[in-house]
Amino acid sequence: MPTVNTPALRGSRILGFGHHQPARILTNDELSTMVDTNDEWIRTRTGIETRHIAGPDDTVTSMAVEAGRRALADAGIEPAAVGLVIVASTTHRDRAPYTAGRVAAALGLSPAAAPIDINTACSGFEYGVGLADQAIRVGSADVALVIGSEVLSGIVDWTDRSTCVLVGDGAGAAVLGASDTAQIGPVSWGSVPHLEEAVLVSGDPERFTQEGRSIYRWAITEAADHARAAVAAAGMTLDDIEVFAFHQANLRIIEPLVTALGGESKYVVRDVVESGNTSAASVPLGLSKAWARGELPEGVPALLFGFGGGFAHAGQVVTTPVRRH
C-alpha cells in the first residue's frame, strides 16, 4: 500500500511578537460615572486599573492586521513567507468573508497561505499556537502567524457593573517558524462540560454574561492541574518554567494560580491591570507588551495557559524568542 509523503518531523519556535490596542483608555474613575462602581471596588475584586476601548475605526480585523504586521516586523519575516494565519476571536462580526481571510489580504500574504478563524473564546490563542505548531511540524507551513483579537466592548452591557468593569479591546500576535528542535511543547487541551454555559455571548443584540463564582471556583481549584499537565507534556518540571502567561481574566485568579504553581519568583504577565480582560487576545497581548518593554526574558521556557467560554482550556510550554541583533 502506498504511503503518504510527509517531511521528517521537525519542531517549531516563536520568532517574534506584536500587538495593538485602541487609543482610548477608560479608567476606573471614568467607569464610576457610567455605572454604580468605584476605583477601589474594581481594583479589590479584579486588579484592573484601566482598559482600552475600541473607537469607530477599531475592529477585530483592523487590530489583528496591525498586531500581525508588527509581529512580522519583529520576527524579520516577509509576509510572502507566511504559510498559515490563524485568528482567534469570539467577537468576529462577519461569517464571510471571515477575519483571517481579510487579514491575509491586508497583510499581502501569499495566495498559498491558509487563513483560518477559530473561536474557543479566552483559550483561543493557545489553541491557535497548538494548531500552528502541528502544521509546521508536519510540513504544511514553514511560517505561521497566530493572532488573538477582540472587541469585547461591543458586546458588553455598560449598565452591568459585574461585567463592564472587566473587559477591554486589543490584539496580540506571534510568528512561529520551523526549527530543528522543538521549542513549542505539545498542547494540553480540553473542556469542562458542566461549565458549558458559564460564559455566554448570546442574544440580539449579543451580550456577554458569565457565572463569575463558578469560573473563579474552577480556576482556583482545578486550573493548576491542567497547567501542570502542559508542563509535563513538554517533558519539564515547574522549576524549569521562567515565565507564566495565563489568561488575563482577573488578578485574583492569576495570583493564586501562580502561587499554586510555585512561580512567585518568576516573570508573571499581569497585563490585566492595564488592559482588562481581552479574551483570546489577553495572552499574546501581555507577552508582546512585555517583550516590547524589554522585560520578557529571552530564550527561556514560558507556560501559556488560557481558559474560558466553552468551557475550554488549553496550555503549552514555549521558548520565548531571542532578539535579533
C-alpha atoms as a PDB file:
ATOM      1  CA  MET A   1       0.000   0.000   0.000  1.00  0.00           C
ATOM      2  CA  PRO A   2       1.459   3.409  -0.940  1.00  0.00           C
ATOM      3  CA  THR A   3       2.432   5.672   1.955  1.00  0.00           C
ATOM      4  CA  VAL A   4       1.712   9.378   2.288  1.00  0.00           C
ATOM      5  CA  ASN A   5       4.774  11.514   1.678  1.00  0.00           C
ATOM      6  CA  THR A   6       5.490  13.847   4.591  1.00  0.00           C
ATOM      7  CA  PRO A   7       8.746  15.545   5.588  1.00  0.00           C
ATOM      8  CA  ALA A   8      10.644  14.291   8.593  1.00  0.00           C
ATOM      9  CA  LEU A   9       9.023  15.633  11.735  1.00  0.00           C
ATOM     10  CA  ARG A  10      10.564  18.857  12.978  1.00  0.00           C
ATOM     11  CA  GLY A  11       9.766  21.400  15.622  1.00  0.00           C
ATOM     12  CA  SER A  12       8.644  24.997  15.704  1.00  0.00           C
ATOM     13  CA  ARG A  13       9.546  28.098  17.671  1.00  0.00           C
ATOM     14  CA  ILE A  14       8.277  31.609  18.306  1.00  0.00           C
ATOM     15  CA  LEU A  15      10.157  34.185  16.251  1.00  0.00           C
ATOM     16  CA  GLY A  16       8.515  37.423  17.335  1.00  0.00           C
ATOM     17  CA  PHE A  17       5.558  39.226  18.886  1.00  0.00           C
ATOM     18  CA  GLY A  18       3.337  42.173  18.007  1.00  0.00           C
ATOM     19  CA  HIS A  19       0.305  43.902  19.471  1.00  0.00           C
ATOM     20  CA  HIS A  20      -2.153  46.738  19.005  1.00  0.00           C
ATOM     21  CA  GLN A  21      -4.588  48.497  21.335  1.00  0.00           C
ATOM     22  CA  PRO A  22      -7.097  51.288  20.684  1.00  0.00           C
ATOM     23  CA  ALA A  23      -6.026  54.793  21.650  1.00  0.00           C
ATOM     24  CA  ARG A  24      -8.882  55.387  24.082  1.00  0.00           C
ATOM     25  CA  ILE A  25      -8.116  54.411  27.681  1.00  0.00           C
ATOM     26  CA  LEU A  26     -11.039  54.042  30.083  1.00  0.00           C
ATOM     27  CA  THR A  27     -10.136  54.423  33.754  1.00  0.00           C
ATOM     28  CA  ASN A  28     -11.976  53.112  36.778  1.00  0.00           C
ATOM     29  CA  ASP A  29     -12.850  56.651  37.788  1.00  0.00           C
ATOM     30  CA  GLU A  30     -14.487  57.244  34.410  1.00  0.00           C
ATOM     31  CA  LEU A  31     -16.414  53.999  34.764  1.00  0.00           C
ATOM     32  CA  SER A  32     -17.752  55.199  38.096  1.00  0.00           C
ATOM     33  CA  THR A  33     -19.581  57.982  36.245  1.00  0.00           C
ATOM     34  CA  MET A  34     -21.262  55.417  33.980  1.00  0.00           C
ATOM     35  CA  VAL A  35     -22.291  52.690  36.438  1.00  0.00           C
ATOM     36  CA  ASP A  36     -22.571  52.202  40.198  1.00  0.00           C
ATOM     37  CA  THR A  37     -18.944  51.363  41.000  1.00  0.00           C
ATOM     38  CA  ASN A  38     -15.682  52.986  42.092  1.00  0.00           C
ATOM     39  CA  ASP A  39     -11.952  52.548  41.693  1.00  0.00           C
ATOM     40  CA  GLU A  40     -11.450  50.723  44.996  1.00  0.00           C
ATOM     41  CA  TRP A  41     -14.301  48.273  44.293  1.00  0.00           C
ATOM     42  CA  ILE A  42     -12.867  47.355  40.877  1.00  0.00           C
ATOM     43  CA  ARG A  43      -9.235  47.075  41.997  1.00  0.00           C
ATOM     44  CA  THR A  44     -10.105  44.993  45.025  1.00  0.00           C
ATOM     45  CA  ARG A  45     -12.154  42.480  43.053  1.00  0.00           C
ATOM     46  CA  THR A  46     -10.254  42.358  39.749  1.00  0.00           C
ATOM     47  CA  GLY A  47      -6.925  44.171  39.963  1.00  0.00           C
ATOM     48  CA  ILE A  48      -7.894  46.162  36.865  1.00  0.00           C
ATOM     49  CA  GLU A  49      -6.997  49.851  36.718  1.00  0.00           C
ATOM     50  CA  THR A  50      -7.544  50.722  33.047  1.00  0.00           C
ATOM     51  CA  ARG A  51      -8.712  49.170  29.793  1.00  0.00           C
ATOM     52  CA  HIS A  52      -8.518  50.204  26.124  1.00  0.00           C
ATOM     53  CA  ILE A  53     -11.815  50.732  24.301  1.00  0.00           C
ATOM     54  CA  ALA A  54     -12.288  50.490  20.539  1.00  0.00           C
ATOM     55  CA  GLY A  55     -13.176  53.575  18.542  1.00  0.00           C
ATOM     56  CA  PRO A  56     -15.256  53.648  15.337  1.00  0.00           C
ATOM     57  CA  ASP A  57     -12.282  52.521  13.222  1.00  0.00           C
ATOM     58  CA  ASP A  58     -11.047  49.780  15.561  1.00  0.00           C
ATOM     59  CA  THR A  59     -12.333  46.357  14.529  1.00  0.00           C
ATOM     60  CA  VAL A  60     -11.302  42.768  15.167  1.00  0.00           C
ATOM     61  CA  THR A  61      -9.817  42.738  11.673  1.00  0.00           C
ATOM     62  CA  SER A  62      -8.029  46.102  11.782  1.00  0.00           C
ATOM     63  CA  MET A  63      -6.394  45.373  15.122  1.00  0.00           C
ATOM     64  CA  ALA A  64      -5.436  41.851  14.027  1.00  0.00           C
ATOM     65  CA  VAL A  65      -3.803  43.296  10.907  1.00  0.00           C
ATOM     66  CA  GLU A  66      -1.769  45.810  12.890  1.00  0.00           C
ATOM     67  CA  ALA A  67      -0.684  43.267  15.523  1.00  0.00           C
ATOM     68  CA  GLY A  68       0.242  40.807  12.771  1.00  0.00           C
ATOM     69  CA  ARG A  69       2.205  43.437  10.867  1.00  0.00           C
ATOM     70  CA  ARG A  70       4.199  44.314  13.965  1.00  0.00           C
ATOM     71  CA  ALA A  71       4.840  40.656  14.791  1.00  0.00           C
ATOM     72  CA  LEU A  72       6.193  40.005  11.301  1.00  0.00           C
ATOM     73  CA  ALA A  73       8.457  43.050  11.563  1.00  0.00           C
ATOM     74  CA  ASP A  74       9.678  41.924  14.982  1.00  0.00           C
ATOM     75  CA  ALA A  75      10.450  38.458  13.619  1.00  0.00           C
ATOM     76  CA  GLY A  76      12.116  39.786  10.469  1.00  0.00           C
ATOM     77  CA  ILE A  77       9.734  37.775   8.292  1.00  0.00           C
ATOM     78  CA  GLU A  78       8.332  38.940   4.958  1.00  0.00           C
ATOM     79  CA  PRO A  79       4.565  38.479   4.529  1.00  0.00           C
ATOM     80  CA  ALA A  80       5.120  36.296   1.457  1.00  0.00           C
ATOM     81  CA  ALA A  81       6.841  33.692   3.655  1.00  0.00           C
ATOM     82  CA  VAL A  82       3.754  33.076   5.810  1.00  0.00           C
ATOM     83  CA  GLY A  83       2.009  29.785   5.008  1.00  0.00           C
ATOM     84  CA  LEU A  84      -0.714  29.890   7.658  1.00  0.00           C
ATOM     85  CA  VAL A  85      -2.581  32.626   9.519  1.00  0.00           C
ATOM     86  CA  ILE A  86      -4.902  31.803  12.404  1.00  0.00           C
ATOM     87  CA  VAL A  87      -7.122  34.443  14.008  1.00  0.00           C
ATOM     88  CA  ALA A  88      -8.688  33.573  17.359  1.00  0.00           C
ATOM     89  CA  SER A  89     -11.651  35.686  18.426  1.00  0.00           C
ATOM     90  CA  THR A  90     -15.077  35.429  19.991  1.00  0.00           C
ATOM     91  CA  THR A  91     -16.142  38.829  18.661  1.00  0.00           C
ATOM     92  CA  HIS A  92     -15.907  38.215  14.893  1.00  0.00           C
ATOM     93  CA  ARG A  93     -18.690  40.289  13.348  1.00  0.00           C
ATOM     94  CA  ASP A  94     -18.964  38.621   9.927  1.00  0.00           C
ATOM     95  CA  ARG A  95     -19.171  34.967   8.955  1.00  0.00           C
ATOM     96  CA  ALA A  96     -17.985  35.645   5.418  1.00  0.00           C
ATOM     97  CA  PRO A  97     -15.616  36.978   4.405  1.00  0.00           C
ATOM     98  CA  TYR A  98     -14.088  35.775   7.634  1.00  0.00           C
ATOM     99  CA  THR A  99     -11.416  37.581   9.612  1.00  0.00           C
ATOM    100  CA  ALA A 100      -8.325  35.516   8.791  1.00  0.00           C
ATOM    101  CA  GLY A 101      -9.026  35.862   5.071  1.00  0.00           C
ATOM    102  CA  ARG A 102      -9.288  39.621   5.431  1.00  0.00           C
ATOM    103  CA  VAL A 103      -6.090  39.713   7.488  1.00  0.00           C
ATOM    104  CA  ALA A 104      -4.246  37.648   4.884  1.00  0.00           C
ATOM    105  CA  ALA A 105      -5.346  40.034   2.128  1.00  0.00           C
ATOM    106  CA  ALA A 106      -4.498  43.173   4.109  1.00  0.00           C
ATOM    107  CA  LEU A 107      -1.021  41.905   5.000  1.00  0.00           C
ATOM    108  CA  GLY A 108      -0.281  40.837   1.436  1.00  0.00           C
ATOM    109  CA  LEU A 109       0.203  37.167   2.261  1.00  0.00           C
ATOM    110  CA  SER A 110       0.727  34.633  -0.497  1.00  0.00           C
ATOM    111  CA  PRO A 111      -2.403  33.127  -2.104  1.00  0.00           C
ATOM    112  CA  ALA A 112      -0.985  29.793  -0.906  1.00  0.00           C
ATOM    113  CA  ALA A 113      -1.256  30.881   2.748  1.00  0.00           C
ATOM    114  CA  ALA A 114      -4.101  29.164   4.593  1.00  0.00           C
ATOM    115  CA  PRO A 115      -6.346  31.563   6.570  1.00  0.00           C
ATOM    116  CA  ILE A 116      -8.285  30.040   9.480  1.00  0.00           C
ATOM    117  CA  ASP A 117     -10.649  31.564  12.057  1.00  0.00           C
ATOM    118  CA  ILE A 118     -11.096  29.799  15.387  1.00  0.00           C
ATOM    119  CA  ASN A 119     -13.312  30.555  18.367  1.00  0.00           C
ATOM    120  CA  THR A 120     -12.577  28.881  21.674  1.00  0.00           C
ATOM    121  CA  ALA A 121     -13.054  32.189  23.476  1.00  0.00           C
ATOM    122  CA  CYS A 122     -10.380  33.009  26.049  1.00  0.00           C
ATOM    123  CA  SER A 123      -8.181  29.989  25.237  1.00  0.00           C
ATOM    124  CA  GLY A 124      -8.199  30.764  21.514  1.00  0.00           C
ATOM    125  CA  PHE A 125      -4.569  31.853  21.242  1.00  0.00           C
ATOM    126  CA  GLU A 126      -3.299  28.672  22.904  1.00  0.00           C
ATOM    127  CA  TYR A 127      -5.449  26.558  20.578  1.00  0.00           C
ATOM    128  CA  GLY A 128      -4.081  28.557  17.657  1.00  0.00           C
ATOM    129  CA  VAL A 129      -0.475  28.039  18.718  1.00  0.00           C
ATOM    130  CA  GLY A 130      -1.156  24.311  19.118  1.00  0.00           C
ATOM    131  CA  LEU A 131      -2.627  24.056  15.613  1.00  0.00           C
ATOM    132  CA  ALA A 132       0.129  26.162  14.041  1.00  0.00           C
ATOM    133  CA  ASP A 133       2.850  24.140  15.768  1.00  0.00           C
ATOM    134  CA  GLN A 134       1.373  20.905  14.427  1.00  0.00           C
ATOM    135  CA  ALA A 135       1.042  22.330  10.909  1.00  0.00           C
ATOM    136  CA  ILE A 136       4.706  23.337  10.922  1.00  0.00           C
ATOM    137  CA  ARG A 137       5.817  20.006  12.376  1.00  0.00           C
ATOM    138  CA  VAL A 138       4.302  18.028   9.500  1.00  0.00           C
ATOM    139  CA  GLY A 139       5.358  20.472   6.786  1.00  0.00           C
ATOM    140  CA  SER A 140       2.033  22.109   5.927  1.00  0.00           C
ATOM    141  CA  ALA A 141       3.656  25.510   6.598  1.00  0.00           C
ATOM    142  CA  ASP A 142       7.128  26.832   7.353  1.00  0.00           C
ATOM    143  CA  VAL A 143       5.909  30.061   8.962  1.00  0.00           C
ATOM    144  CA  ALA A 144       2.634  30.713  10.763  1.00  0.00           C
ATOM    145  CA  LEU A 145       1.056  33.868  12.149  1.00  0.00           C
ATOM    146  CA  VAL A 146      -1.238  33.369  15.163  1.00  0.00           C
ATOM    147  CA  ILE A 147      -3.361  36.311  16.312  1.00  0.00           C
ATOM    148  CA  GLY A 148      -5.861  36.905  19.094  1.00  0.00           C
ATOM    149  CA  SER A 149      -8.074  39.950  18.524  1.00  0.00           C
ATOM    150  CA  GLU A 150     -11.168  41.112  20.390  1.00  0.00           C
ATOM    151  CA  VAL A 151     -13.647  43.990  20.598  1.00  0.00           C
ATOM    152  CA  LEU A 152     -15.411  42.969  23.792  1.00  0.00           C
ATOM    153  CA  SER A 153     -16.651  46.494  24.433  1.00  0.00           C
ATOM    154  CA  GLY A 154     -19.159  45.949  21.644  1.00  0.00           C
ATOM    155  CA  ILE A 155     -20.891  43.025  23.360  1.00  0.00           C
ATOM    156  CA  VAL A 156     -20.911  44.160  26.987  1.00  0.00           C
ATOM    157  CA  ASP A 157     -23.841  45.701  28.837  1.00  0.00           C
ATOM    158  CA  TRP A 158     -22.443  49.024  30.034  1.00  0.00           C
ATOM    159  CA  THR A 159     -25.084  49.203  32.773  1.00  0.00           C
ATOM    160  CA  ASP A 160     -23.970  45.887  34.328  1.00  0.00           C
ATOM    161  CA  ARG A 161     -21.084  46.549  36.692  1.00  0.00           C
ATOM    162  CA  SER A 162     -20.375  42.833  37.122  1.00  0.00           C
ATOM    163  CA  THR A 163     -19.168  42.583  33.507  1.00  0.00           C
ATOM    164  CA  CYS A 164     -18.473  46.045  32.089  1.00  0.00           C
ATOM    165  CA  VAL A 165     -15.624  46.696  34.540  1.00  0.00           C
ATOM    166  CA  LEU A 166     -13.806  43.599  33.264  1.00  0.00           C
ATOM    167  CA  VAL A 167     -13.463  43.944  29.526  1.00  0.00           C
ATOM    168  CA  GLY A 168     -11.063  45.655  27.175  1.00  0.00           C
ATOM    169  CA  ASP A 169     -10.190  45.586  23.474  1.00  0.00           C
ATOM    170  CA  GLY A 170      -6.964  44.782  21.659  1.00  0.00           C
ATOM    171  CA  ALA A 171      -4.931  42.286  19.665  1.00  0.00           C
ATOM    172  CA  GLY A 172      -1.747  40.306  20.159  1.00  0.00           C
ATOM    173  CA  ALA A 173       0.176  38.161  17.691  1.00  0.00           C
ATOM    174  CA  ALA A 174       3.065  35.728  17.453  1.00  0.00           C
ATOM    175  CA  VAL A 175       5.049  34.460  14.481  1.00  0.00           C
ATOM    176  CA  LEU A 176       6.004  30.790  14.540  1.00  0.00           C
ATOM    177  CA  GLY A 177       8.676  29.253  12.337  1.00  0.00           C
ATOM    178  CA  ALA A 178      10.206  25.850  11.682  1.00  0.00           C
ATOM    179  CA  SER A 179      13.001  24.734  13.984  1.00  0.00           C
ATOM    180  CA  ASP A 180      15.420  21.780  14.010  1.00  0.00           C
ATOM    181  CA  THR A 181      14.493  21.268  17.653  1.00  0.00           C
ATOM    182  CA  ALA A 182      11.074  21.594  19.236  1.00  0.00           C
ATOM    183  CA  GLN A 183      10.743  24.915  21.050  1.00  0.00           C
ATOM    184  CA  ILE A 184       6.981  24.579  21.494  1.00  0.00           C
ATOM    185  CA  GLY A 185       5.678  21.708  23.556  1.00  0.00           C
ATOM    186  CA  PRO A 186       2.558  19.631  22.904  1.00  0.00           C
ATOM    187  CA  VAL A 187      -0.668  21.464  23.595  1.00  0.00           C
ATOM    188  CA  SER A 188      -2.661  20.141  26.540  1.00  0.00           C
ATOM    189  CA  TRP A 189      -6.290  20.987  25.907  1.00  0.00           C
ATOM    190  CA  GLY A 190      -9.826  20.044  26.852  1.00  0.00           C
ATOM    191  CA  SER A 191     -13.139  21.301  28.174  1.00  0.00           C
ATOM    192  CA  VAL A 192     -15.326  21.298  31.283  1.00  0.00           C
ATOM    193  CA  PRO A 193     -18.814  20.130  30.227  1.00  0.00           C
ATOM    194  CA  HIS A 194     -20.635  21.177  33.378  1.00  0.00           C
ATOM    195  CA  LEU A 195     -19.435  24.764  32.818  1.00  0.00           C
ATOM    196  CA  GLU A 196     -20.567  24.814  29.196  1.00  0.00           C
ATOM    197  CA  GLU A 197     -22.801  27.857  29.774  1.00  0.00           C
ATOM    198  CA  ALA A 198     -20.724  29.587  32.448  1.00  0.00           C
ATOM    199  CA  VAL A 199     -19.616  32.140  29.844  1.00  0.00           C
ATOM    200  CA  LEU A 200     -22.126  33.250  27.217  1.00  0.00           C
ATOM    201  CA  VAL A 201     -22.199  35.606  24.263  1.00  0.00           C
ATOM    202  CA  SER A 202     -25.804  35.420  23.170  1.00  0.00           C
ATOM    203  CA  GLY A 203     -28.986  37.335  22.462  1.00  0.00           C
ATOM    204  CA  ASP A 204     -29.955  40.034  19.995  1.00  0.00           C
ATOM    205  CA  PRO A 205     -28.106  42.268  20.372  1.00  0.00           C
ATOM    206  CA  GLU A 206     -25.337  39.953  21.548  1.00  0.00           C
ATOM    207  CA  ARG A 207     -24.288  40.398  25.164  1.00  0.00           C
ATOM    208  CA  PHE A 208     -21.516  38.883  27.261  1.00  0.00           C
ATOM    209  CA  THR A 209     -22.593  37.294  30.550  1.00  0.00           C
ATOM    210  CA  GLN A 210     -20.839  34.907  32.907  1.00  0.00           C
ATOM    211  CA  GLU A 211     -21.188  32.945  36.126  1.00  0.00           C
ATOM    212  CA  GLY A 212     -18.280  34.609  37.880  1.00  0.00           C
ATOM    213  CA  ARG A 213     -18.352  32.486  41.029  1.00  0.00           C
ATOM    214  CA  SER A 214     -18.366  29.184  39.135  1.00  0.00           C
ATOM    215  CA  ILE A 215     -15.445  30.287  36.968  1.00  0.00           C
ATOM    216  CA  TYR A 216     -13.483  31.540  39.952  1.00  0.00           C
ATOM    217  CA  ARG A 217     -14.070  28.282  41.837  1.00  0.00           C
ATOM    218  CA  TRP A 218     -12.843  26.197  38.885  1.00  0.00           C
ATOM    219  CA  ALA A 219      -9.817  28.424  38.321  1.00  0.00           C
ATOM    220  CA  ILE A 220      -8.769  28.238  41.969  1.00  0.00           C
ATOM    221  CA  THR A 221      -9.385  24.510  42.452  1.00  0.00           C
ATOM    222  CA  GLU A 222      -8.716  22.875  39.067  1.00  0.00           C
ATOM    223  CA  ALA A 223      -6.780  25.138  36.687  1.00  0.00           C
ATOM    224  CA  ALA A 224      -3.397  24.422  38.285  1.00  0.00           C
ATOM    225  CA  ASP A 225      -3.673  20.710  37.482  1.00  0.00           C
ATOM    226  CA  HIS A 226      -4.290  21.454  33.821  1.00  0.00           C
ATOM    227  CA  ALA A 227      -1.356  23.862  33.757  1.00  0.00           C
ATOM    228  CA  ARG A 228       0.843  21.163  35.310  1.00  0.00           C
ATOM    229  CA  ALA A 229      -0.282  18.775  32.581  1.00  0.00           C
ATOM    230  CA  ALA A 230       1.014  21.166  29.922  1.00  0.00           C
ATOM    231  CA  VAL A 231       4.388  21.333  31.665  1.00  0.00           C
ATOM    232  CA  ALA A 232       4.555  17.550  31.963  1.00  0.00           C
ATOM    233  CA  ALA A 233       3.647  17.154  28.278  1.00  0.00           C
ATOM    234  CA  ALA A 234       6.718  19.248  27.441  1.00  0.00           C
ATOM    235  CA  GLY A 235       8.904  16.912  29.495  1.00  0.00           C
ATOM    236  CA  MET A 236       9.665  19.649  32.002  1.00  0.00           C
ATOM    237  CA  THR A 237       9.040  20.464  35.640  1.00  0.00           C
ATOM    238  CA  LEU A 238       7.698  23.671  37.110  1.00  0.00           C
ATOM    239  CA  ASP A 239      11.218  24.544  38.223  1.00  0.00           C
ATOM    240  CA  ASP A 240      12.140  24.836  34.520  1.00  0.00           C
ATOM    241  CA  ILE A 241       9.482  27.470  33.804  1.00  0.00           C
ATOM    242  CA  GLU A 242      10.729  31.063  33.841  1.00  0.00           C
ATOM    243  CA  VAL A 243       7.644  32.880  32.539  1.00  0.00           C
ATOM    244  CA  PHE A 244       3.979  32.406  33.473  1.00  0.00           C
ATOM    245  CA  ALA A 245       1.485  33.826  30.962  1.00  0.00           C
ATOM    246  CA  PHE A 246      -2.103  32.990  31.885  1.00  0.00           C
ATOM    247  CA  HIS A 247      -5.396  34.274  30.524  1.00  0.00           C
ATOM    248  CA  GLN A 248      -5.740  37.786  31.908  1.00  0.00           C
ATOM    249  CA  ALA A 249      -9.188  37.313  33.406  1.00  0.00           C
ATOM    250  CA  ASN A 250      -8.705  38.663  36.887  1.00  0.00           C
ATOM    251  CA  LEU A 251      -5.676  39.335  39.085  1.00  0.00           C
ATOM    252  CA  ARG A 252      -7.481  37.448  41.889  1.00  0.00           C
ATOM    253  CA  ILE A 253      -7.236  34.346  39.689  1.00  0.00           C
ATOM    254  CA  ILE A 254      -3.749  34.911  38.289  1.00  0.00           C
ATOM    255  CA  GLU A 255      -2.005  35.439  41.623  1.00  0.00           C
ATOM    256  CA  PRO A 256      -3.347  32.297  43.396  1.00  0.00           C
ATOM    257  CA  LEU A 257      -2.641  30.228  40.285  1.00  0.00           C
ATOM    258  CA  VAL A 258       0.962  31.420  40.182  1.00  0.00           C
ATOM    259  CA  THR A 259       1.304  30.636  43.899  1.00  0.00           C
ATOM    260  CA  ALA A 260      -0.146  27.147  43.419  1.00  0.00           C
ATOM    261  CA  LEU A 261       2.480  26.506  40.735  1.00  0.00           C
ATOM    262  CA  GLY A 262       5.351  27.933  42.779  1.00  0.00           C
ATOM    263  CA  GLY A 263       6.034  30.749  40.343  1.00  0.00           C
ATOM    264  CA  GLU A 264       6.263  33.738  42.663  1.00  0.00           C
ATOM    265  CA  SER A 265       9.943  34.329  41.867  1.00  0.00           C
ATOM    266  CA  LYS A 266       9.477  34.026  38.092  1.00  0.00           C
ATOM    267  CA  TYR A 267       8.295  36.551  35.496  1.00  0.00           C
ATOM    268  CA  VAL A 268       4.493  36.744  35.588  1.00  0.00           C
ATOM    269  CA  VAL A 269       2.403  38.527  32.956  1.00  0.00           C
ATOM    270  CA  ARG A 270      -0.022  40.863  34.735  1.00  0.00           C
ATOM    271  CA  ASP A 271      -1.300  42.932  31.833  1.00  0.00           C
ATOM    272  CA  VAL A 272      -4.857  42.624  33.143  1.00  0.00           C
ATOM    273  CA  VAL A 273      -4.036  45.645  35.322  1.00  0.00           C
ATOM    274  CA  GLU A 274      -3.577  47.873  32.252  1.00  0.00           C
ATOM    275  CA  SER A 275      -5.714  46.129  29.643  1.00  0.00           C
ATOM    276  CA  GLY A 276      -8.528  44.310  31.438  1.00  0.00           C
ATOM    277  CA  ASN A 277      -9.849  41.014  30.128  1.00  0.00           C
ATOM    278  CA  THR A 278      -9.287  40.833  26.365  1.00  0.00           C
ATOM    279  CA  SER A 279     -10.311  37.175  25.950  1.00  0.00           C
ATOM    280  CA  ALA A 280      -8.361  35.476  23.122  1.00  0.00           C
ATOM    281  CA  ALA A 281      -6.031  38.470  22.851  1.00  0.00           C
ATOM    282  CA  SER A 282      -5.013  38.521  26.501  1.00  0.00           C
ATOM    283  CA  VAL A 283      -2.009  36.154  26.498  1.00  0.00           C
ATOM    284  CA  PRO A 284      -0.319  37.366  23.277  1.00  0.00           C
ATOM    285  CA  LEU A 285      -1.114  40.978  24.159  1.00  0.00           C
ATOM    286  CA  GLY A 286       0.518  40.653  27.563  1.00  0.00           C
ATOM    287  CA  LEU A 287       3.540  38.808  26.171  1.00  0.00           C
ATOM    288  CA  SER A 288       4.020  41.284  23.339  1.00  0.00           C
ATOM    289  CA  LYS A 289       3.832  44.306  25.608  1.00  0.00           C
ATOM    290  CA  ALA A 290       6.352  42.762  27.996  1.00  0.00           C
ATOM    291  CA  TRP A 291       8.587  41.899  25.021  1.00  0.00           C
ATOM    292  CA  ALA A 292       8.351  45.458  23.653  1.00  0.00           C
ATOM    293  CA  ARG A 293       9.313  46.889  27.063  1.00  0.00           C
ATOM    294  CA  GLY A 294      12.355  44.623  27.223  1.00  0.00           C
ATOM    295  CA  GLU A 295      11.019  42.853  30.329  1.00  0.00           C
ATOM    296  CA  LEU A 296      10.330  39.389  28.907  1.00  0.00           C
ATOM    297  CA  PRO A 297      13.370  37.110  29.313  1.00  0.00           C
ATOM    298  CA  GLU A 298      14.829  35.761  26.074  1.00  0.00           C
ATOM    299  CA  GLY A 299      15.146  32.106  25.158  1.00  0.00           C
ATOM    300  CA  VAL A 300      13.523  30.670  28.291  1.00  0.00           C
ATOM    301  CA  PRO A 301      10.593  28.286  28.872  1.00  0.00           C
ATOM    302  CA  ALA A 302       7.237  30.053  29.264  1.00  0.00           C
ATOM    303  CA  LEU A 303       3.973  28.429  30.315  1.00  0.00           C
ATOM    304  CA  LEU A 304       0.940  29.670  28.377  1.00  0.00           C
ATOM    305  CA  PHE A 305      -2.497  28.772  29.719  1.00  0.00           C
ATOM    306  CA  GLY A 306      -5.911  30.020  28.670  1.00  0.00           C
ATOM    307  CA  PHE A 307      -9.411  29.162  29.855  1.00  0.00           C
ATOM    308  CA  GLY A 308     -12.932  30.476  29.435  1.00  0.00           C
ATOM    309  CA  GLY A 309     -16.040  30.216  27.282  1.00  0.00           C
ATOM    310  CA  GLY A 310     -16.906  26.762  26.107  1.00  0.00           C
ATOM    311  CA  PHE A 311     -15.795  25.954  28.787  1.00  0.00           C
ATOM    312  CA  ALA A 312     -12.463  25.308  27.051  1.00  0.00           C
ATOM    313  CA  HIS A 313      -8.905  25.391  28.311  1.00  0.00           C
ATOM    314  CA  ALA A 314      -5.508  24.919  26.680  1.00  0.00           C
ATOM    315  CA  GLY A 315      -1.861  25.359  27.551  1.00  0.00           C
ATOM    316  CA  GLN A 316       1.631  24.652  26.318  1.00  0.00           C
ATOM    317  CA  VAL A 317       5.237  25.439  27.118  1.00  0.00           C
ATOM    318  CA  VAL A 318       7.004  27.636  24.569  1.00  0.00           C
ATOM    319  CA  THR A 319      10.502  29.067  24.435  1.00  0.00           C
ATOM    320  CA  THR A 320      10.497  32.854  24.325  1.00  0.00           C
ATOM    321  CA  PRO A 321      12.157  34.424  21.274  1.00  0.00           C
ATOM    322  CA  VAL A 322      15.742  35.610  21.110  1.00  0.00           C
ATOM    323  CA  ARG A 323      16.132  39.199  19.964  1.00  0.00           C
ATOM    324  CA  ARG A 324      17.561  39.811  16.533  1.00  0.00           C
ATOM    325  CA  HIS A 325      20.693  41.959  16.518  1.00  0.00           C
END
